[in-house]
């Protein structure tokens, strides 16, 4: 679990105080900042000191293991070591920060650690500051990466942030569509968690609260306001906590294949898939479609038309590699239920 959490409007202003006790022997703090904020006011508020470094993270596509490795190698070559890595941005930026922090202390390539409990050593100090709400990356024990052969996280007890700063003010200017897609990541997390075979009371309590907040934001409210930002940030935190103690399901497993092959970002990928999952989450999909209509959002369709048999094979291989997700969704006999033929037919609908 994340060791230290600060929540509230204006909490970002405390960042200098938060980081000071974690500075070591003059080693720099590295700020990985979503490139969206380049030349924007937020960058001027980052408490850069001495040889600290700001790196604008290119998250046009979700993080690749090669990108993680190149940043970690550059930092080692330049500084030897660092005091910490601070991720400021959406889920991809926070995943990148977690991965770079781990690769400062673990040998080899980040691709070597794509899987469950493969990371050997704690990383350097790492903190996450989300500027979008919904992914749950701020509290999850994974950092989702696209590697040379698969899209899979570095899932380990060493992965979670040591510190998170939850400041709803940072999410106020998020583009409408992006805010919705990321918020739906949280909503879909909760539907999958609450209907999964891994469900327990710890996960259930967080999932139910996150689901309630998503409904208040995307169904009950008519206009977006500060309260919406506050609620969605807490929904993201609670949704992340819910899946940390259970698992996600069909939508995420299928969207991993889309992301690996087509480069589709996680939030919108989940929406594309979930839009066709009535067989597995009937009531959730019906409610999701109400949210889409109420908020005037377009969900892309026919993205798999024209794909070759080889491309379908790649997506299916990536998706079926997400075994805990399938087991949570369909039970221990999931391989008898989700055959390659059935999964291909699902992809063909998207």
Protein backbone atom coordinates (compact mmCIF):
# COMPACT_ATOMS: atom_id res chain seq x y z
CA UNK A 1 0.00 0.00 0.00
CA UNK A 2 1.01 3.61 -0.49
CA UNK A 3 2.75 4.71 2.68
CA UNK A 4 1.73 8.35 2.86
CA UNK A 5 -1.28 10.16 1.37
CA UNK A 6 -2.08 13.86 1.29
CA UNK A 7 -5.44 14.98 -0.09
CA UNK A 8 -6.99 18.39 -0.60
CA UNK A 9 -7.19 21.45 -2.80
CA UNK A 10 -3.85 23.20 -2.81
CA UNK A 11 -1.98 20.15 -1.52
CA UNK A 12 0.48 20.50 -4.42
CA UNK A 13 1.79 23.64 -2.73
CA UNK A 14 3.22 21.43 0.05
CA UNK A 15 5.42 19.46 -2.34
CA UNK A 16 8.68 21.12 -1.26
CA UNK A 17 8.01 20.21 2.39
CA UNK A 18 7.00 16.69 1.42
CA UNK A 19 10.15 16.03 -0.57
CA UNK A 20 12.70 17.63 1.73
CA UNK A 21 13.04 14.72 4.22
CA UNK A 22 13.54 12.33 1.28
CA UNK A 23 16.49 14.15 -0.28
CA UNK A 24 19.72 12.18 0.17
CA UNK A 25 23.34 13.32 0.06
CA UNK A 26 22.78 16.02 -2.51
CA UNK A 27 21.32 13.55 -5.02
CA UNK A 28 18.65 15.08 -7.28
CA UNK A 29 14.92 14.64 -7.35
CA UNK A 30 13.73 13.71 -10.83
CA UNK A 31 10.35 15.11 -11.89
CA UNK A 32 8.72 13.11 -14.68
CA UNK A 33 6.03 15.45 -15.98
CA UNK A 34 3.41 14.75 -18.63
CA UNK A 35 4.50 16.65 -21.77
CA UNK A 36 0.98 18.19 -21.83
CA UNK A 37 2.26 20.61 -19.17
CA UNK A 38 5.32 21.84 -21.05
CA UNK A 39 5.31 25.66 -21.04
CA UNK A 40 2.31 25.67 -18.69
CA UNK A 41 2.08 27.28 -15.27
CA UNK A 42 2.15 24.01 -13.33
CA UNK A 43 5.80 23.49 -14.27
CA UNK A 44 6.75 26.80 -12.61
CA UNK A 45 5.25 25.53 -9.34
CA UNK A 46 7.51 22.47 -9.15
CA UNK A 47 10.00 23.00 -6.27
CA UNK A 48 13.17 22.36 -8.27
CA UNK A 49 16.41 22.62 -6.26
CA UNK A 50 20.12 22.53 -7.16
CA UNK A 51 20.69 19.65 -9.58
CA UNK A 52 17.06 18.44 -9.70
CA UNK A 53 15.87 17.58 -13.18
CA UNK A 54 12.51 17.91 -14.94
CA UNK A 55 11.91 15.38 -17.71
CA UNK A 56 8.87 15.90 -19.89
CA UNK A 57 7.49 12.42 -20.42
CA UNK A 58 6.25 11.64 -23.90
CA UNK A 59 3.03 9.76 -23.20
CA UNK A 60 1.61 10.03 -26.69
CA UNK A 61 1.60 6.26 -26.40
CA UNK A 62 1.55 4.20 -23.24
CA UNK A 63 5.00 3.60 -21.69
CA UNK A 64 7.30 1.13 -23.39
CA UNK A 65 9.98 -0.87 -21.61
CA UNK A 66 12.58 0.65 -23.95
CA UNK A 67 11.54 4.16 -22.85
CA UNK A 68 11.78 3.22 -19.18
CA UNK A 69 15.21 1.69 -19.70
CA UNK A 70 16.53 4.70 -21.62
CA UNK A 71 15.47 7.17 -18.91
CA UNK A 72 16.92 5.03 -16.12
CA UNK A 73 20.19 4.55 -18.03
CA UNK A 74 20.51 8.29 -18.66
CA UNK A 75 19.92 9.09 -14.98
CA UNK A 76 22.50 6.52 -13.87
CA UNK A 77 25.04 7.86 -16.34
CA UNK A 78 24.42 11.50 -15.36
CA UNK A 79 23.94 11.25 -11.59
CA UNK A 80 24.92 7.75 -10.52
CA UNK A 81 21.82 7.64 -8.38
CA UNK A 82 18.91 9.90 -7.45
CA UNK A 83 16.99 10.78 -4.32
CA UNK A 84 13.67 9.98 -5.91
CA UNK A 85 11.38 10.02 -8.92
CA UNK A 86 8.21 12.12 -8.88
CA UNK A 87 5.48 11.41 -11.45
CA UNK A 88 3.17 14.31 -12.32
CA UNK A 89 0.46 13.57 -14.87
CA UNK A 90 -2.04 10.91 -15.89
CA UNK A 91 -1.83 7.18 -15.42
CA UNK A 92 0.88 6.66 -18.07
CA UNK A 93 3.15 9.25 -16.46
CA UNK A 94 2.69 7.73 -13.02
CA UNK A 95 3.34 4.23 -14.36
CA UNK A 96 6.49 5.54 -16.02
CA UNK A 97 7.67 7.12 -12.76
CA UNK A 98 7.11 3.90 -10.81
CA UNK A 99 8.98 1.87 -13.40
CA UNK A 100 11.96 4.26 -13.62
CA UNK A 101 12.22 4.33 -9.82
CA UNK A 102 12.38 0.52 -9.76
CA UNK A 103 14.95 0.35 -12.55
CA UNK A 104 17.32 2.62 -10.63
CA UNK A 105 17.98 -0.31 -8.28
CA UNK A 106 17.13 -3.44 -10.27
CA UNK A 107 19.48 -4.84 -12.94
CA UNK A 108 18.67 -5.61 -16.55
CA UNK A 109 15.68 -4.35 -18.52
CA UNK A 110 12.23 -3.46 -17.25
CA UNK A 111 10.98 -6.13 -19.69
CA UNK A 112 12.57 -8.71 -17.37
CA UNK A 113 10.08 -7.74 -14.67
CA UNK A 114 6.84 -7.83 -16.64
CA UNK A 115 4.79 -10.24 -14.59
CA UNK A 116 3.85 -10.95 -11.02
CA UNK A 117 6.36 -10.56 -8.15
CA UNK A 118 9.49 -10.56 -10.31
CA UNK A 119 10.98 -7.30 -9.00
CA UNK A 120 13.87 -8.12 -6.64
CA UNK A 121 14.71 -4.84 -4.87
CA UNK A 122 12.84 -1.74 -3.67
CA UNK A 123 13.24 1.22 -5.98
CA UNK A 124 14.33 4.71 -5.00
CA UNK A 125 11.79 6.95 -3.27
CA UNK A 126 8.84 7.62 -5.58
CA UNK A 127 5.84 9.90 -5.37
CA UNK A 128 2.78 10.21 -7.60
CA UNK A 129 0.75 13.34 -8.29
CA UNK A 130 -2.21 12.63 -10.58
CA UNK A 131 -3.53 15.33 -12.91
CA UNK A 132 -6.29 13.04 -14.23
CA UNK A 133 -8.62 10.92 -12.14
CA UNK A 134 -9.69 7.36 -12.81
CA UNK A 135 -6.79 5.06 -13.57
CA UNK A 136 -6.01 4.17 -9.96
CA UNK A 137 -2.32 4.20 -10.95
CA UNK A 138 -1.63 6.34 -7.91
CA UNK A 139 -2.35 3.40 -5.60
CA UNK A 140 -1.90 0.26 -7.70
CA UNK A 141 0.87 -2.33 -7.27
CA UNK A 142 1.53 -2.44 -10.98
CA UNK A 143 3.08 -0.25 -13.64
CA UNK A 144 1.63 -1.13 -17.02
CA UNK A 145 4.28 -1.36 -19.76
CA UNK A 146 4.41 -2.44 -23.38
CA UNK A 147 7.39 -4.72 -23.88
CA UNK A 148 8.91 -6.41 -26.90
CA UNK A 149 6.53 -9.36 -26.70
CA UNK A 150 3.68 -8.35 -24.39
CA UNK A 151 1.82 -5.61 -22.59
CA UNK A 152 2.04 -6.45 -18.92
CA UNK A 153 2.75 -4.65 -15.68
CA UNK A 154 5.61 -4.86 -13.22
CA UNK A 155 3.29 -6.21 -10.55
CA UNK A 156 5.03 -6.34 -7.17
CA UNK A 157 4.98 -5.21 -3.57
CA UNK A 158 7.83 -2.84 -4.46
CA UNK A 159 5.82 -1.05 -7.15
CA UNK A 160 3.41 1.22 -5.21
CA UNK A 161 4.35 4.83 -4.60
CA UNK A 162 5.83 5.77 -1.23
CA UNK A 163 3.83 9.01 -1.32
CA UNK A 164 0.89 10.41 -3.25
CA UNK A 165 -0.42 13.95 -3.36
CA UNK A 166 -4.09 14.16 -4.36
CA UNK A 167 -4.96 17.73 -5.33
CA UNK A 168 -8.24 18.04 -7.27
CA UNK A 169 -7.24 21.50 -8.48
CA UNK A 170 -4.74 19.84 -10.82
CA UNK A 171 -7.53 18.08 -12.77
CA UNK A 172 -9.70 21.14 -13.44
CA UNK A 173 -8.59 21.82 -17.02
CA UNK A 174 -8.58 18.25 -18.29
CA UNK A 175 -10.11 17.87 -21.79
CA UNK A 176 -13.72 16.64 -21.57
CA UNK A 177 -13.26 13.43 -23.56
CA UNK A 178 -10.04 12.49 -21.79
CA UNK A 179 -11.64 13.11 -18.41
CA UNK A 180 -14.54 10.83 -19.36
CA UNK A 181 -12.39 8.01 -20.74
CA UNK A 182 -10.17 8.06 -17.64
CA UNK A 183 -13.17 8.28 -15.32
CA UNK A 184 -14.68 5.26 -17.06
CA UNK A 185 -11.49 3.34 -16.37
CA UNK A 186 -12.43 3.70 -12.70
CA UNK A 187 -16.08 2.80 -13.32
CA UNK A 188 -15.10 -0.31 -15.29
CA UNK A 189 -12.55 -1.28 -12.60
CA UNK A 190 -15.37 -1.31 -10.10
CA UNK A 191 -17.85 -3.28 -12.20
CA UNK A 192 -15.20 -5.92 -12.90
CA UNK A 193 -14.00 -6.06 -9.31
CA UNK A 194 -17.48 -6.25 -7.74
CA UNK A 195 -18.57 -9.05 -10.08
CA UNK A 196 -15.29 -10.97 -9.93
CA UNK A 197 -14.49 -14.28 -8.25
CA UNK A 198 -11.65 -12.62 -6.31
CA UNK A 199 -14.06 -10.29 -4.48
CA UNK A 200 -13.62 -9.88 -0.74
CA UNK A 201 -14.98 -7.45 1.84
CA UNK A 202 -11.93 -5.19 1.70
CA UNK A 203 -12.18 -4.85 -2.07
CA UNK A 204 -15.96 -4.62 -1.97
CA UNK A 205 -16.05 -1.70 0.46
CA UNK A 206 -13.74 0.43 -1.71
CA UNK A 207 -15.36 -0.68 -4.99
CA UNK A 208 -18.87 0.17 -3.86
CA UNK A 209 -17.82 3.65 -2.74
CA UNK A 210 -15.95 4.34 -5.98
CA UNK A 211 -18.93 3.16 -8.02
CA UNK A 212 -21.26 5.44 -6.04
CA UNK A 213 -19.00 8.44 -6.70
CA UNK A 214 -18.78 7.65 -10.42
CA UNK A 215 -22.56 7.55 -10.64
CA UNK A 216 -22.85 10.88 -8.80
CA UNK A 217 -20.39 12.49 -11.22
CA UNK A 218 -21.42 11.01 -14.56
CA UNK A 219 -25.17 10.41 -14.09
CA UNK A 220 -26.60 12.59 -11.33
CA UNK A 221 -24.74 15.85 -11.93
CA UNK A 222 -25.75 18.05 -14.87
CA UNK A 223 -22.73 20.35 -14.90
CA UNK A 224 -19.05 19.73 -14.19
CA UNK A 225 -17.77 21.70 -11.20
CA UNK A 226 -15.15 21.59 -8.44
CA UNK A 227 -17.18 19.01 -6.54
CA UNK A 228 -17.04 16.74 -9.60
CA UNK A 229 -13.24 16.93 -9.61
CA UNK A 230 -13.13 16.23 -5.86
CA UNK A 231 -15.41 13.21 -6.13
CA UNK A 232 -13.74 11.70 -9.18
CA UNK A 233 -10.30 11.97 -7.57
CA UNK A 234 -11.56 10.03 -4.56
CA UNK A 235 -13.34 7.53 -6.83
CA UNK A 236 -10.01 6.92 -8.56
CA UNK A 237 -8.26 6.30 -5.24
CA UNK A 238 -10.99 3.99 -3.95
CA UNK A 239 -11.27 2.16 -7.28
CA UNK A 240 -7.52 1.60 -7.30
CA UNK A 241 -7.67 0.24 -3.76
CA UNK A 242 -10.51 -2.08 -4.75
CA UNK A 243 -8.59 -3.76 -7.57
CA UNK A 244 -5.39 -3.83 -5.51
CA UNK A 245 -7.12 -6.41 -3.32
CA UNK A 246 -9.02 -8.22 -6.07
CA UNK A 247 -8.59 -7.89 -9.85
CA UNK A 248 -10.11 -6.45 -13.00
CA UNK A 249 -11.76 -8.55 -15.68
CA UNK A 250 -12.83 -9.03 -19.29
CA UNK A 251 -12.68 -5.40 -20.47
CA UNK A 252 -9.13 -4.91 -19.26
CA UNK A 253 -7.92 -8.27 -20.53
CA UNK A 254 -9.28 -7.54 -24.02
CA UNK A 255 -8.12 -3.92 -24.08
CA UNK A 256 -4.52 -4.99 -23.38
CA UNK A 257 -4.52 -6.67 -26.80
CA UNK A 258 -5.86 -3.51 -28.48
CA UNK A 259 -3.24 -1.37 -26.80
CA UNK A 260 -0.36 -3.68 -27.67
CA UNK A 261 -1.23 -4.00 -31.35
CA UNK A 262 -2.93 -0.70 -32.18
CA UNK A 263 -1.46 1.66 -29.58
CA UNK A 264 -4.90 2.59 -28.23
CA UNK A 265 -4.67 4.26 -24.84
CA UNK A 266 -5.94 2.42 -21.81
CA UNK A 267 -8.98 4.50 -20.89
CA UNK A 268 -10.50 4.75 -24.34
CA UNK A 269 -9.57 1.12 -25.02
CA UNK A 270 -11.57 -0.02 -22.02
CA UNK A 271 -14.54 2.03 -23.21
CA UNK A 272 -14.36 0.53 -26.72
CA UNK A 273 -14.36 -2.99 -25.27
CA UNK A 274 -16.86 -2.48 -22.45
CA UNK A 275 -19.38 -1.10 -24.94
CA UNK A 276 -19.73 -4.70 -26.24
CA UNK A 277 -19.66 -6.74 -23.02
CA UNK A 278 -23.35 -7.20 -22.23
CA UNK A 279 -22.78 -10.96 -22.04
CA UNK A 280 -20.55 -10.49 -19.01
CA UNK A 281 -21.63 -7.22 -17.36
CA UNK A 282 -25.20 -6.57 -18.55
CA UNK A 283 -26.31 -3.93 -16.04
CA UNK A 284 -22.91 -2.24 -16.02
CA UNK A 285 -22.86 -1.89 -19.81
CA UNK A 286 -26.41 -0.48 -19.83
CA UNK A 287 -25.42 2.12 -17.25
CA UNK A 288 -22.19 2.87 -19.11
CA UNK A 289 -24.16 3.62 -22.28
CA UNK A 290 -26.36 6.04 -20.31
CA UNK A 291 -23.21 7.82 -19.13
CA UNK A 292 -21.87 8.00 -22.69
CA UNK A 293 -25.15 9.52 -23.95
CA UNK A 294 -25.59 11.95 -21.05
CA UNK A 295 -22.04 13.28 -21.37
CA UNK A 296 -22.09 13.50 -25.17
CA UNK A 297 -19.09 11.23 -25.70
CA UNK A 298 -18.18 9.36 -28.88
CA UNK A 299 -16.92 5.79 -28.53
CA UNK A 300 -14.92 4.68 -31.61
CA UNK A 301 -16.20 1.66 -33.52
CA UNK A 302 -14.94 -0.71 -36.24
CA UNK A 303 -11.34 -0.31 -35.12
CA UNK A 304 -10.57 -3.98 -35.85
CA UNK A 305 -12.02 -4.06 -39.35
CA UNK A 306 -9.39 -4.96 -41.90
CA UNK A 307 -7.00 -6.64 -39.47
CA UNK A 308 -5.12 -9.71 -40.70
CA UNK A 309 -5.28 -13.16 -39.15
CA UNK A 310 -1.77 -12.60 -37.80
CA UNK A 311 -2.81 -9.34 -36.12
CA UNK A 312 -5.78 -11.05 -34.48
CA UNK A 313 -3.42 -13.80 -33.29
CA UNK A 314 -1.14 -11.24 -31.65
CA UNK A 315 -4.02 -9.52 -29.83
CA UNK A 316 -5.45 -12.84 -28.67
CA UNK A 317 -2.05 -14.01 -27.37
CA UNK A 318 -1.56 -10.78 -25.39
CA UNK A 319 -5.07 -10.89 -23.98
CA UNK A 320 -5.01 -14.57 -22.96
CA UNK A 321 -1.71 -13.92 -21.19
CA UNK A 322 -3.63 -11.92 -18.57
CA UNK A 323 -4.55 -15.05 -16.64
CA UNK A 324 -5.48 -13.53 -13.25
CA UNK A 325 -7.89 -11.14 -15.00
CA UNK A 326 -9.65 -13.96 -16.81
CA UNK A 327 -9.80 -16.10 -13.68
CA UNK A 328 -11.32 -13.23 -11.71
CA UNK A 329 -13.92 -12.69 -14.41
CA UNK A 330 -14.83 -16.25 -15.35
CA UNK A 331 -13.49 -18.55 -12.62
CA UNK A 332 -10.79 -21.20 -12.56
CA UNK A 333 -12.14 -22.92 -15.68
CA UNK A 334 -11.95 -19.70 -17.70
CA UNK A 335 -9.88 -21.31 -20.48
CA UNK A 336 -12.81 -23.58 -21.31
CA UNK A 337 -15.10 -20.55 -21.53
CA UNK A 338 -12.95 -17.96 -23.32
CA UNK A 339 -11.62 -19.88 -26.27
CA UNK A 340 -9.45 -18.29 -28.95
CA UNK A 341 -12.40 -18.44 -31.35
CA UNK A 342 -14.71 -16.66 -28.93
CA UNK A 343 -12.14 -13.99 -28.19
CA UNK A 344 -11.53 -13.41 -31.89
CA UNK A 345 -15.28 -12.97 -32.43
CA UNK A 346 -15.29 -10.36 -29.65
CA UNK A 347 -12.40 -8.46 -31.23
CA UNK A 348 -14.22 -8.52 -34.57
CA UNK A 349 -17.13 -6.62 -32.97
CA UNK A 350 -14.94 -3.74 -31.82
